[in-house]
Amino acid sequence: MKIMIVDDEVIIRTGLASVIAWKELGLTLLPPAASAEEALARIPEEKPQILMTDIRMKGKSGLQLAEEARELAPGLEVIILSGYGDFSYAQQALRQGVCDYLLKTSKPEDIIRTVMQAKRRLLERWAEESRAGQRLREEQKQRFHQWVIEGNAPFETIPDFLRARPLRNGEYGEYGEYGEHGEVWQAMILTAEGWGGAESSLSLLLFAVQNMLEDLVPGAGFYAQRGRMVCVAPMSANRGRRMKQLAGWTDWVERQLKCTLRLATGEPADLPERVHHSYATASIAFRYHTLIPERIWDYGDIVHRRGGKTVLTPEEETELGALLLDQDAVGLKAWTHCVVEELIRDPDCTLESLRACVQSAALAAHRWLARTLRAIGREDEFRPDPWTPGEETGPWTGIRDELFRHLHGVMQGYHGRAGEGQRSHVERAKAFIESCPAQEISLQQVANHVHLHPGHLSELFKKETGSTFSDFVTAVRIRKAEQLLAVTPAKVSEVAWMIGYEDVKYFSRLFKKYTGKTPSEYREWGDSQYAQAERRI
């Protein structure tokens, strides 16, 4: 496909000719023309498919050139170049059927995008005009899907690109020569960003990437999926050389298209029958794009992961509650970042374990809210909607930010609906106790939080609740001990320490007084209840 640039300013036409890597876009750049008259004289012989012209030139204008050029070359795509002061002319050009227009000050990536839109319109038009070609492309696309994506097609339906592969001398060998020169078929899945977030922009960018890779990787096959592209290419059987090739292609495409690529590869296939397995493993690897910061990664990088942490520690849950109560948005964001980044750094982290732990954080916030509202007698004030992290959140920063937004919503909901207003000192003290580490709760600490003398707070507590401050704290600690015994394998002595009791015997007596069971009996009872529930399920 050929493109001609027309401008009477030598700086503009030579600049446009040199600033864009036209060949890598699959375009042949014809020598720029210095006037509309020169362009009209050359078009019948040189036959450009895309014309990029200045709107104002000496002699005939760009609009006159566009009109006469389309008579010489029907179907010609015309892109008008204009200055800021030529906007009314550009509008007129669009009304007259000019395909697109650009400001002369446009960035290279904007020029590339506009030209690639023109190229795609031409290819789509040519495809419509060639029904036989369209049927052939659809057939090849269907064969790619059957062989690579589904993996259940008979050999006679093998796609053309899998029937022969390039050999070292540039020729092609038949099916029986696969693997003879240390080559394999490599399936990969890639996506790109940098041309805007709209779905149409991504589709156009992937179209441009495919155009460039078709020139870079002869003998490869391509298949477009929503938001990503599947590529199967003949490559070196040596993994190191293969990854070096991929890095080279990726660097080249990114430089030319001013974009960023992310690419996952599967296990290589030495025979066409195994290409589906290469695709399947590439799909598994690609799912990890939310976890892996690198541009290129391999199935072998993730296959040995066994899963990381799936629930928050009691310390993390306590810290979260304190941040929510304090309405500390900055601290909450820092806490969220720290928790998620720690999960990401774990070499055993999987998508499932990441989502489970993130979900655990959301549930911890809901538990804090329920405890706090119950403590102040406002259970029905605010109930946040359940939340589950999305399957597709982009890079891992997406799931981190998604979690922060939910936690922030819980915090704002509490303080905006239930946490404000004419709350008594005792209500605020109860809310603080629920969020405070159990072993650190003291009358002095709580009194400082609500700005009262400890003695006065103790009197108010007895008057409003009917129980002493000490009894309320003990009840809170025992409830937290029940939770720890139910969800953690911690020893009884460790649970006692975590809720503020150094004497495990005293803790056990106190626990039985409140629950009717010793800590060990309570844990065994809980396990039996869980087992019965499992059997019922």
Protein backbone atom coordinates (compact mmCIF):
# COMPACT_ATOMS: atom_id res chain seq x y z
CA MET A 1 0.00 0.00 0.00
CA LYS A 2 1.42 3.38 -1.07
CA ILE A 3 1.14 6.85 0.48
CA MET A 4 2.00 10.25 -1.03
CA ILE A 5 2.65 13.43 0.97
CA VAL A 6 1.92 16.79 -0.71
CA ASP A 7 3.03 20.12 0.79
CA ASP A 8 4.63 23.22 -0.67
CA GLU A 9 6.69 23.74 2.49
CA VAL A 10 9.85 21.66 2.25
CA ILE A 11 10.24 21.45 6.04
CA ILE A 12 6.75 19.97 6.46
CA ARG A 13 6.94 17.40 3.66
CA THR A 14 10.47 16.23 4.49
CA GLY A 15 9.63 16.16 8.21
CA LEU A 16 6.56 13.99 7.65
CA ALA A 17 8.55 11.72 5.37
CA SER A 18 11.27 11.14 7.96
CA VAL A 19 9.53 11.23 11.36
CA ILE A 20 7.34 8.16 10.71
CA ALA A 21 8.70 4.65 10.01
CA TRP A 22 6.33 4.14 7.04
CA LYS A 23 7.82 0.82 5.94
CA GLU A 24 7.25 -0.71 9.37
CA LEU A 25 3.59 0.30 9.12
CA GLY A 26 3.30 -1.74 5.94
CA LEU A 27 3.29 1.37 3.71
CA THR A 28 5.47 2.44 0.81
CA LEU A 29 6.25 6.15 0.99
CA LEU A 30 6.35 7.70 -2.49
CA PRO A 31 8.61 10.74 -3.05
CA PRO A 32 6.77 13.77 -1.54
CA ALA A 33 5.21 16.23 -4.01
CA ALA A 34 5.82 19.97 -3.72
CA SER A 35 2.47 21.05 -5.22
CA ALA A 36 -1.00 19.83 -6.11
CA GLU A 37 -0.08 20.06 -9.79
CA GLU A 38 2.93 17.77 -9.33
CA ALA A 39 0.84 15.27 -7.39
CA LEU A 40 -1.89 15.20 -10.06
CA ALA A 41 0.72 14.57 -12.74
CA ARG A 42 2.21 11.62 -10.83
CA ILE A 43 -0.91 9.92 -9.41
CA PRO A 44 -1.98 8.05 -12.60
CA GLU A 45 1.41 6.32 -12.87
CA GLU A 46 2.44 5.92 -9.21
CA LYS A 47 -1.10 5.02 -7.99
CA PRO A 48 -1.00 5.94 -4.27
CA GLN A 49 -3.82 4.59 -2.11
CA ILE A 50 -3.45 7.26 0.62
CA LEU A 51 -2.88 10.95 -0.03
CA MET A 52 -1.81 13.33 2.76
CA THR A 53 -1.97 16.95 1.61
CA ASP A 54 -1.70 20.47 2.99
CA ILE A 55 -4.99 22.35 2.76
CA ARG A 56 -3.40 25.65 1.64
CA MET A 57 -0.74 25.65 -1.08
CA LYS A 58 0.41 27.90 -3.90
CA GLY A 59 -1.57 27.07 -6.99
CA LYS A 60 -4.31 24.54 -6.42
CA SER A 61 -5.45 24.02 -2.84
CA GLY A 62 -5.59 20.73 -1.00
CA LEU A 63 -9.38 20.63 -1.47
CA GLN A 64 -9.04 21.00 -5.24
CA LEU A 65 -6.32 18.35 -5.23
CA ALA A 66 -8.53 15.96 -3.25
CA GLU A 67 -11.44 16.40 -5.65
CA GLU A 68 -9.38 15.91 -8.84
CA ALA A 69 -7.23 13.13 -7.36
CA ARG A 70 -10.31 11.01 -6.54
CA GLU A 71 -11.38 11.28 -10.17
CA LEU A 72 -7.98 9.90 -11.19
CA ALA A 73 -7.92 7.25 -8.43
CA PRO A 74 -11.39 6.27 -7.20
CA GLY A 75 -11.31 5.00 -3.64
CA LEU A 76 -8.28 7.15 -2.73
CA GLU A 77 -8.07 7.91 1.00
CA VAL A 78 -7.34 11.64 1.50
CA ILE A 79 -6.03 13.11 4.76
CA ILE A 80 -5.92 16.92 4.96
CA LEU A 81 -3.19 18.76 6.89
CA SER A 82 -4.22 22.11 8.34
CA GLY A 83 -3.11 24.84 10.71
CA TYR A 84 -5.16 26.14 13.62
CA GLY A 85 -6.51 28.95 11.45
CA ASP A 86 -7.75 26.56 8.77
CA PHE A 87 -10.39 24.82 10.85
CA SER A 88 -13.28 26.11 8.70
CA TYR A 89 -11.50 24.73 5.62
CA ALA A 90 -11.02 21.41 7.36
CA GLN A 91 -14.75 21.27 8.13
CA GLN A 92 -15.52 22.00 4.49
CA ALA A 93 -13.11 19.24 3.46
CA LEU A 94 -14.90 16.71 5.67
CA ARG A 95 -18.26 17.76 4.18
CA GLN A 96 -16.83 17.21 0.69
CA GLY A 97 -15.86 13.65 1.53
CA VAL A 98 -12.24 14.01 2.62
CA CYS A 99 -11.57 11.05 4.90
CA ASP A 100 -9.79 12.76 7.78
CA TYR A 101 -7.76 15.79 8.76
CA LEU A 102 -4.77 16.49 11.01
CA LEU A 103 -3.20 19.59 12.50
CA LYS A 104 0.35 20.16 11.30
CA THR A 105 1.37 20.20 14.95
CA SER A 106 0.03 16.67 15.56
CA LYS A 107 2.26 14.23 17.42
CA PRO A 108 3.75 11.30 15.47
CA GLU A 109 1.46 8.84 17.25
CA ASP A 110 -1.61 10.87 16.16
CA ILE A 111 -0.38 10.80 12.56
CA ILE A 112 0.21 7.04 12.77
CA ARG A 113 -3.24 6.49 14.23
CA THR A 114 -4.96 8.50 11.48
CA VAL A 115 -3.00 6.80 8.69
CA MET A 116 -3.70 3.34 10.14
CA GLN A 117 -7.41 4.20 10.25
CA ALA A 118 -7.21 5.06 6.55
CA LYS A 119 -5.33 1.81 5.84
CA ARG A 120 -7.92 -0.23 7.71
CA ARG A 121 -10.76 1.45 5.81
CA LEU A 122 -9.03 0.57 2.54
CA LEU A 123 -8.47 -3.05 3.55
CA GLU A 124 -12.08 -3.40 4.69
CA ARG A 125 -13.28 -1.87 1.42
CA TRP A 126 -11.05 -4.16 -0.60
CA ALA A 127 -12.27 -7.12 1.40
CA GLU A 128 -15.88 -6.20 0.64
CA GLU A 129 -15.02 -5.86 -3.03
CA SER A 130 -13.38 -9.27 -3.07
CA ARG A 131 -15.91 -11.79 -1.82
CA ALA A 132 -13.69 -14.70 -2.72
CA GLY A 133 -10.85 -13.19 -0.71
CA GLN A 134 -13.19 -12.55 2.19
CA ARG A 135 -14.39 -16.14 2.15
CA LEU A 136 -10.78 -17.33 2.11
CA ARG A 137 -9.85 -15.14 5.08
CA GLU A 138 -12.90 -16.31 7.00
CA GLU A 139 -11.99 -19.89 6.24
CA GLN A 140 -8.41 -19.35 7.45
CA LYS A 141 -9.72 -17.63 10.57
CA GLN A 142 -12.04 -20.57 11.24
CA ARG A 143 -9.19 -23.04 10.71
CA PHE A 144 -6.98 -21.07 13.10
CA HIS A 145 -9.75 -21.20 15.71
CA GLN A 146 -10.33 -24.93 15.24
CA TRP A 147 -6.65 -25.88 15.28
CA VAL A 148 -5.15 -23.43 17.75
CA ILE A 149 -7.98 -22.25 20.00
CA GLU A 150 -10.16 -25.38 20.15
CA GLY A 151 -7.57 -28.01 19.22
CA ASN A 152 -10.00 -30.59 17.86
CA ALA A 153 -9.81 -30.32 14.07
CA PRO A 154 -8.84 -33.01 11.51
CA PHE A 155 -5.49 -32.67 9.78
CA GLU A 156 -6.99 -31.78 6.39
CA THR A 157 -8.26 -28.50 7.91
CA ILE A 158 -4.81 -27.36 9.06
CA PRO A 159 -4.25 -23.60 8.44
CA ASP A 160 -1.87 -22.72 5.62
CA PHE A 161 0.66 -21.07 7.95
CA LEU A 162 1.07 -24.38 9.81
CA ARG A 163 1.57 -26.43 6.66
CA ALA A 164 5.04 -25.06 5.96
CA ARG A 165 7.61 -23.18 7.97
CA PRO A 166 10.59 -21.02 6.98
CA LEU A 167 13.95 -22.78 6.88
CA ARG A 168 17.33 -21.13 7.39
CA ASN A 169 17.84 -20.39 3.72
CA GLY A 170 14.55 -18.51 3.48
CA GLU A 171 12.73 -21.28 1.64
CA TYR A 172 9.82 -23.27 2.99
CA GLY A 173 9.72 -26.91 3.99
CA GLU A 174 6.79 -29.31 3.99
CA TYR A 175 5.05 -30.72 7.06
CA GLY A 176 7.48 -33.60 7.51
CA GLU A 177 10.45 -31.27 8.02
CA TYR A 178 9.17 -29.67 11.26
CA GLY A 179 11.82 -29.44 13.94
CA GLU A 180 14.61 -30.30 11.53
CA HIS A 181 16.43 -27.01 12.07
CA GLY A 182 15.83 -26.56 15.78
CA GLU A 183 12.64 -24.56 15.40
CA VAL A 184 9.33 -24.78 17.21
CA TRP A 185 5.91 -23.20 16.95
CA GLN A 186 5.44 -20.64 19.73
CA ALA A 187 1.94 -19.52 20.70
CA MET A 188 1.69 -16.16 22.42
CA ILE A 189 -1.05 -13.82 23.56
CA LEU A 190 -0.45 -10.08 23.57
CA THR A 191 -2.21 -6.85 24.30
CA ALA A 192 -1.14 -3.23 23.93
CA GLU A 193 -1.81 0.21 25.38
CA GLY A 194 -0.86 3.79 24.63
CA TRP A 195 -3.43 4.94 22.07
CA GLY A 196 -6.20 5.70 24.53
CA GLY A 197 -8.48 3.58 26.68
CA ALA A 198 -11.43 3.25 24.30
CA GLU A 199 -12.14 -0.20 22.87
CA SER A 200 -11.97 1.19 19.33
CA SER A 201 -8.50 2.66 20.00
CA LEU A 202 -7.24 -0.68 21.33
CA SER A 203 -8.68 -2.50 18.32
CA LEU A 204 -6.91 -0.10 15.98
CA LEU A 205 -3.63 -0.38 17.90
CA LEU A 206 -3.74 -4.19 17.77
CA PHE A 207 -4.44 -3.97 14.05
CA ALA A 208 -1.31 -1.82 13.66
CA VAL A 209 0.72 -4.24 15.81
CA GLN A 210 -0.42 -7.17 13.67
CA ASN A 211 0.56 -5.31 10.48
CA MET A 212 4.04 -4.75 11.81
CA LEU A 213 4.51 -8.28 13.14
CA GLU A 214 3.42 -9.77 9.82
CA ASP A 215 6.46 -8.10 8.26
CA LEU A 216 8.77 -8.90 11.17
CA VAL A 217 7.74 -12.54 11.56
CA PRO A 218 7.19 -14.26 8.18
CA GLY A 219 5.21 -17.48 8.44
CA ALA A 220 3.27 -16.45 11.57
CA GLY A 221 -0.49 -16.73 12.04
CA PHE A 222 -2.70 -14.23 13.86
CA TYR A 223 -6.14 -14.30 15.45
CA ALA A 224 -7.86 -11.26 17.01
CA GLN A 225 -9.77 -11.69 20.24
CA ARG A 226 -11.49 -8.98 22.30
CA GLY A 227 -8.80 -6.74 23.71
CA ARG A 228 -5.95 -9.09 22.79
CA MET A 229 -4.35 -10.96 19.92
CA VAL A 230 -3.16 -14.55 19.53
CA CYS A 231 -0.03 -15.14 17.48
CA VAL A 232 1.61 -18.44 16.51
CA ALA A 233 5.11 -18.01 15.09
CA PRO A 234 8.02 -20.27 14.08
CA MET A 235 10.87 -19.55 16.49
CA SER A 236 14.12 -20.98 17.83
CA ALA A 237 13.79 -24.08 19.99
CA ASN A 238 16.31 -22.53 22.40
CA ARG A 239 14.35 -20.67 25.11
CA GLY A 240 17.02 -18.01 25.60
CA ARG A 241 17.13 -17.20 21.87
CA ARG A 242 13.34 -17.28 21.72
CA MET A 243 12.92 -14.75 24.51
CA LYS A 244 15.60 -12.56 22.93
CA GLN A 245 13.69 -12.64 19.64
CA LEU A 246 10.48 -11.66 21.40
CA ALA A 247 12.21 -8.80 23.22
CA GLY A 248 13.61 -7.55 19.92
CA TRP A 249 10.23 -7.62 18.19
CA THR A 250 8.55 -5.96 21.17
CA ASP A 251 11.12 -3.15 21.37
CA TRP A 252 10.82 -2.49 17.65
CA VAL A 253 7.03 -2.34 17.60
CA GLU A 254 6.88 -0.14 20.71
CA ARG A 255 9.33 2.36 19.23
CA GLN A 256 7.52 2.58 15.90
CA LEU A 257 3.95 2.71 17.23
CA LYS A 258 4.65 4.69 20.41
CA CYS A 259 2.88 2.09 22.54
CA THR A 260 3.54 -0.55 25.22
CA LEU A 261 3.12 -4.28 24.58
CA ARG A 262 2.52 -7.04 27.14
CA LEU A 263 3.02 -10.59 25.97
CA ALA A 264 2.62 -14.07 27.48
CA THR A 265 3.99 -17.23 25.86
CA GLY A 266 3.03 -20.86 26.30
CA GLU A 267 5.02 -24.07 26.10
CA PRO A 268 6.50 -24.36 22.58
CA ALA A 269 5.20 -27.00 20.14
CA ASP A 270 7.46 -29.11 17.91
CA LEU A 271 4.48 -30.34 15.84
CA PRO A 272 1.31 -28.61 14.59
CA GLU A 273 -0.81 -31.05 16.60
CA ARG A 274 0.73 -29.59 19.78
CA VAL A 275 0.10 -25.93 18.90
CA HIS A 276 -3.22 -26.00 20.79
CA HIS A 277 -1.35 -26.97 23.97
CA SER A 278 1.04 -24.07 23.38
CA TYR A 279 -1.98 -21.75 23.10
CA ALA A 280 -3.67 -23.22 26.19
CA THR A 281 -0.58 -22.69 28.34
CA ALA A 282 -0.14 -19.17 26.93
CA SER A 283 -3.74 -18.44 27.99
CA ILE A 284 -2.97 -19.58 31.53
CA ALA A 285 0.16 -17.41 31.59
CA PHE A 286 -1.72 -14.40 30.17
CA ARG A 287 -4.19 -14.50 33.07
CA TYR A 288 -1.27 -13.42 35.27
CA HIS A 289 -1.03 -10.02 33.58
CA THR A 290 -2.65 -8.62 36.73
CA LEU A 291 0.29 -9.90 38.83
CA ILE A 292 3.38 -9.68 36.65
CA PRO A 293 4.95 -6.27 35.98
CA GLU A 294 7.27 -7.45 33.16
CA ARG A 295 6.36 -6.90 29.51
CA ILE A 296 7.13 -10.51 28.51
CA TRP A 297 6.64 -13.63 30.59
CA ASP A 298 6.40 -17.35 30.01
CA TYR A 299 4.17 -20.18 31.20
CA GLY A 300 7.24 -21.59 32.96
CA ASP A 301 7.37 -18.43 35.10
CA ILE A 302 4.02 -19.16 36.74
CA VAL A 303 3.34 -22.90 36.48
CA HIS A 304 5.09 -23.76 39.77
CA ARG A 305 3.16 -21.24 41.89
CA ARG A 306 1.23 -22.95 44.67
CA GLY A 307 -0.72 -20.04 46.14
CA GLY A 308 0.13 -17.39 48.69
CA LYS A 309 -1.64 -15.95 51.72
CA THR A 310 -5.43 -16.04 51.47
CA VAL A 311 -6.56 -14.26 54.68
CA LEU A 312 -5.42 -11.23 56.64
CA THR A 313 -3.48 -11.75 59.84
CA PRO A 314 -5.21 -10.67 63.09
CA GLU A 315 -2.69 -7.81 63.32
CA GLU A 316 -3.55 -6.58 59.81
CA GLU A 317 -7.27 -6.80 60.55
CA THR A 318 -6.84 -4.83 63.79
CA GLU A 319 -4.81 -2.15 62.01
CA LEU A 320 -7.49 -1.88 59.32
CA GLY A 321 -10.19 -1.36 61.95
CA ALA A 322 -8.21 1.42 63.62
CA LEU A 323 -7.75 3.23 60.28
CA LEU A 324 -11.45 2.96 59.46
CA LEU A 325 -12.44 4.31 62.87
CA ASP A 326 -9.97 7.20 62.64
CA GLN A 327 -11.28 8.10 59.15
CA ASP A 328 -7.66 8.11 58.00
CA ALA A 329 -7.91 7.98 54.19
CA VAL A 330 -4.18 8.52 53.66
CA GLY A 331 -3.26 5.78 56.11
CA LEU A 332 -5.92 3.47 54.61
CA LYS A 333 -4.47 3.91 51.13
CA ALA A 334 -0.94 3.23 52.39
CA TRP A 335 -2.19 0.13 54.25
CA THR A 336 -3.97 -1.17 51.13
CA HIS A 337 -0.89 -0.64 48.97
CA CYS A 338 1.33 -2.36 51.52
CA VAL A 339 -0.94 -5.41 51.86
CA VAL A 340 -1.43 -5.95 48.12
CA GLU A 341 2.21 -5.32 47.21
CA GLU A 342 3.30 -7.85 49.84
CA LEU A 343 0.99 -10.41 48.20
CA ILE A 344 2.37 -9.61 44.75
CA ARG A 345 5.97 -10.05 45.90
CA ASP A 346 5.25 -13.57 47.12
CA PRO A 347 6.68 -15.89 44.42
CA ASP A 348 3.92 -18.43 45.18
CA CYS A 349 1.07 -15.91 44.74
CA THR A 350 -1.63 -17.01 42.31
CA LEU A 351 -4.65 -15.16 40.97
CA GLU A 352 -6.86 -17.25 43.22
CA SER A 353 -4.87 -16.60 46.40
CA LEU A 354 -4.59 -12.88 45.59
CA ARG A 355 -8.32 -12.50 45.08
CA ALA A 356 -9.04 -14.56 48.21
CA CYS A 357 -6.84 -12.35 50.39
CA VAL A 358 -8.20 -9.15 48.88
CA GLN A 359 -11.71 -10.48 49.49
CA SER A 360 -10.62 -11.27 53.07
CA ALA A 361 -9.71 -7.60 53.55
CA ALA A 362 -13.15 -6.50 52.34
CA LEU A 363 -14.84 -8.98 54.68
CA ALA A 364 -12.66 -7.77 57.57
CA ALA A 365 -13.94 -4.23 56.98
CA HIS A 366 -17.52 -5.50 56.97
CA ARG A 367 -16.92 -7.40 60.23
CA TRP A 368 -15.42 -4.28 61.81
CA LEU A 369 -18.45 -2.27 60.72
CA ALA A 370 -20.90 -4.85 62.08
CA ARG A 371 -19.07 -5.06 65.45
CA THR A 372 -18.79 -1.30 65.79
CA LEU A 373 -22.44 -0.63 64.91
CA ARG A 374 -23.54 -3.38 67.30
CA ALA A 375 -21.41 -1.89 70.07
CA ILE A 376 -23.10 1.51 69.74
CA GLY A 377 -26.58 0.08 69.17
CA ARG A 378 -26.92 1.17 65.53
CA GLU A 379 -26.95 -2.14 63.66
CA ASP A 380 -29.43 -0.93 61.03
CA GLU A 381 -27.73 2.38 60.23
CA PHE A 382 -25.56 1.25 57.31
CA ARG A 383 -24.97 -2.00 55.44
CA PRO A 384 -22.51 -1.87 52.53
CA ASP A 385 -23.09 -4.02 49.47
CA PRO A 386 -21.03 -7.23 49.20
CA TRP A 387 -17.91 -6.90 47.08
CA THR A 388 -15.82 -9.31 45.04
CA PRO A 389 -12.75 -8.27 43.01
CA GLY A 390 -13.36 -8.35 39.27
CA GLU A 391 -11.90 -11.05 37.06
CA GLU A 392 -10.36 -8.45 34.73
CA THR A 393 -8.84 -5.52 36.59
CA GLY A 394 -5.91 -4.82 34.34
CA PRO A 395 -2.49 -4.74 35.92
CA TRP A 396 -2.26 -5.71 39.62
CA THR A 397 -2.55 -2.02 40.54
CA GLY A 398 -6.17 -2.31 39.40
CA ILE A 399 -7.14 -4.79 42.10
CA ARG A 400 -5.25 -2.70 44.68
CA ASP A 401 -7.12 0.48 43.76
CA GLU A 402 -10.41 -1.41 43.56
CA LEU A 403 -9.91 -2.66 47.13
CA PHE A 404 -9.05 0.82 48.41
CA ARG A 405 -12.19 2.30 46.85
CA HIS A 406 -14.35 -0.31 48.58
CA LEU A 407 -12.68 0.11 51.97
CA HIS A 408 -12.91 3.89 51.63
CA GLY A 409 -16.62 3.52 50.86
CA VAL A 410 -17.13 1.48 54.05
CA MET A 411 -15.25 4.11 56.06
CA GLN A 412 -17.17 7.04 54.55
CA GLY A 413 -20.46 5.22 54.96
CA TYR A 414 -19.84 4.65 58.66
CA HIS A 415 -18.72 8.19 59.43
CA GLY A 416 -21.30 9.80 57.15
CA ARG A 417 -24.34 7.90 58.41
CA ALA A 418 -23.64 6.16 61.68
CA GLY A 419 -20.44 7.61 63.05
CA GLU A 420 -21.46 11.26 63.19
CA GLY A 421 -24.14 13.10 65.08
CA GLN A 422 -24.90 13.31 68.80
CA ARG A 423 -23.06 10.19 69.90
CA SER A 424 -22.36 9.93 73.58
CA HIS A 425 -18.87 9.57 75.00
CA VAL A 426 -19.68 5.95 75.84
CA GLU A 427 -20.73 5.14 72.26
CA ARG A 428 -17.47 6.56 70.92
CA ALA A 429 -15.56 4.63 73.59
CA LYS A 430 -17.26 1.38 72.54
CA ALA A 431 -16.43 1.96 68.87
CA PHE A 432 -12.79 2.63 69.77
CA ILE A 433 -12.57 -0.54 71.89
CA GLU A 434 -13.88 -2.63 68.99
CA SER A 435 -11.10 -1.30 66.73
CA CYS A 436 -8.27 -1.35 69.26
CA PRO A 437 -5.79 -4.28 69.56
CA ALA A 438 -7.22 -6.44 72.35
CA GLN A 439 -4.00 -6.61 74.38
CA GLU A 440 -3.67 -2.81 74.35
CA ILE A 441 -7.11 -1.83 75.67
CA SER A 442 -6.91 0.24 78.86
CA LEU A 443 -9.20 2.72 80.57
CA GLN A 444 -6.56 5.47 80.27
CA GLN A 445 -6.13 4.88 76.53
CA VAL A 446 -9.88 4.92 75.83
CA ALA A 447 -10.39 7.98 78.02
CA ASN A 448 -7.68 9.84 76.10
CA HIS A 449 -9.46 8.99 72.83
CA VAL A 450 -12.80 10.44 73.98
CA HIS A 451 -11.14 13.34 75.89
CA LEU A 452 -12.48 12.46 79.35
CA HIS A 453 -10.93 11.78 82.75
CA PRO A 454 -10.64 7.98 83.28
CA GLY A 455 -12.75 8.14 86.44
CA HIS A 456 -15.50 10.11 84.74
CA LEU A 457 -15.56 7.70 81.77
CA SER A 458 -15.82 4.74 84.15
CA GLU A 459 -18.82 6.32 85.89
CA LEU A 460 -20.53 7.12 82.58
CA PHE A 461 -19.92 3.59 81.34
CA LYS A 462 -21.62 2.05 84.38
CA LYS A 463 -24.52 4.49 84.17
CA GLU A 464 -25.27 4.04 80.45
CA THR A 465 -24.54 0.33 80.00
CA GLY A 466 -25.26 -1.19 83.39
CA SER A 467 -21.86 -2.91 83.35
CA THR A 468 -18.38 -1.80 84.30
CA PHE A 469 -15.75 -0.75 81.80
CA SER A 470 -13.71 -3.79 82.79
CA ASP A 471 -16.62 -6.21 82.16
CA PHE A 472 -17.25 -4.71 78.71
CA VAL A 473 -13.57 -5.03 77.75
CA THR A 474 -13.48 -8.62 79.00
CA ALA A 475 -16.53 -9.49 76.87
CA VAL A 476 -14.88 -7.95 73.81
CA ARG A 477 -11.67 -9.88 74.46
CA ILE A 478 -13.50 -13.19 74.89
CA ARG A 479 -15.40 -12.60 71.62
CA LYS A 480 -12.10 -11.96 69.83
CA ALA A 481 -10.67 -15.11 71.42
CA GLU A 482 -13.61 -17.09 70.02
CA GLN A 483 -12.83 -15.76 66.53
CA LEU A 484 -9.13 -16.62 66.85
CA LEU A 485 -9.85 -20.13 68.07
CA ALA A 486 -12.28 -20.66 65.20
CA VAL A 487 -10.16 -19.39 62.29
CA THR A 488 -6.51 -19.81 63.33
CA PRO A 489 -4.35 -22.78 64.41
CA ALA A 490 -2.79 -20.67 67.18
CA LYS A 491 -2.17 -22.39 70.52
CA VAL A 492 -4.40 -21.47 73.47
CA SER A 493 -1.45 -19.70 75.14
CA GLU A 494 -0.88 -17.67 71.96
CA VAL A 495 -4.56 -16.71 71.77
CA ALA A 496 -4.46 -15.63 75.42
CA TRP A 497 -1.47 -13.38 74.72
CA MET A 498 -3.06 -11.91 71.60
CA ILE A 499 -6.10 -10.70 73.53
CA GLY A 500 -4.14 -9.36 76.49
CA TYR A 501 -3.74 -12.19 79.05
CA GLU A 502 -0.30 -13.49 79.98
CA ASP A 503 -1.65 -16.10 82.43
CA VAL A 504 -3.14 -18.85 80.25
CA LYS A 505 -4.82 -20.57 83.24
CA TYR A 506 -6.60 -17.37 84.21
CA PHE A 507 -7.64 -16.87 80.59
CA SER A 508 -9.04 -20.42 80.40
CA ARG A 509 -11.12 -19.93 83.58
CA LEU A 510 -12.42 -16.60 82.29
CA PHE A 511 -13.22 -18.07 78.86
CA LYS A 512 -15.24 -20.92 80.43
CA LYS A 513 -17.10 -18.48 82.64
CA TYR A 514 -18.29 -16.52 79.59
CA THR A 515 -18.82 -19.37 77.09
CA GLY A 516 -19.44 -22.47 79.20
CA LYS A 517 -16.50 -24.25 77.54
CA THR A 518 -12.73 -24.27 77.91
CA PRO A 519 -10.79 -22.88 74.93
CA SER A 520 -9.87 -26.43 73.80
CA GLU A 521 -13.48 -27.64 74.13
CA TYR A 522 -14.67 -24.59 72.19
CA ARG A 523 -12.26 -25.28 69.33
CA GLU A 524 -13.24 -28.98 69.16
CA TRP A 525 -16.92 -28.01 69.22
CA GLY A 526 -16.35 -25.53 66.42
CA ASP A 527 -14.53 -28.13 64.32
CA SER A 528 -17.37 -30.64 64.78
CA GLN A 529 -19.96 -28.02 63.80
CA TYR A 530 -17.97 -27.25 60.67
CA ALA A 531 -17.64 -30.95 59.80
CA GLN A 532 -21.40 -31.44 60.17
CA ALA A 533 -22.05 -28.49 57.91
CA GLU A 534 -19.64 -29.93 55.33
CA ARG A 535 -21.48 -33.27 55.40
CA ARG A 536 -24.83 -31.52 54.93
CA ILE A 537 -23.40 -29.72 51.90
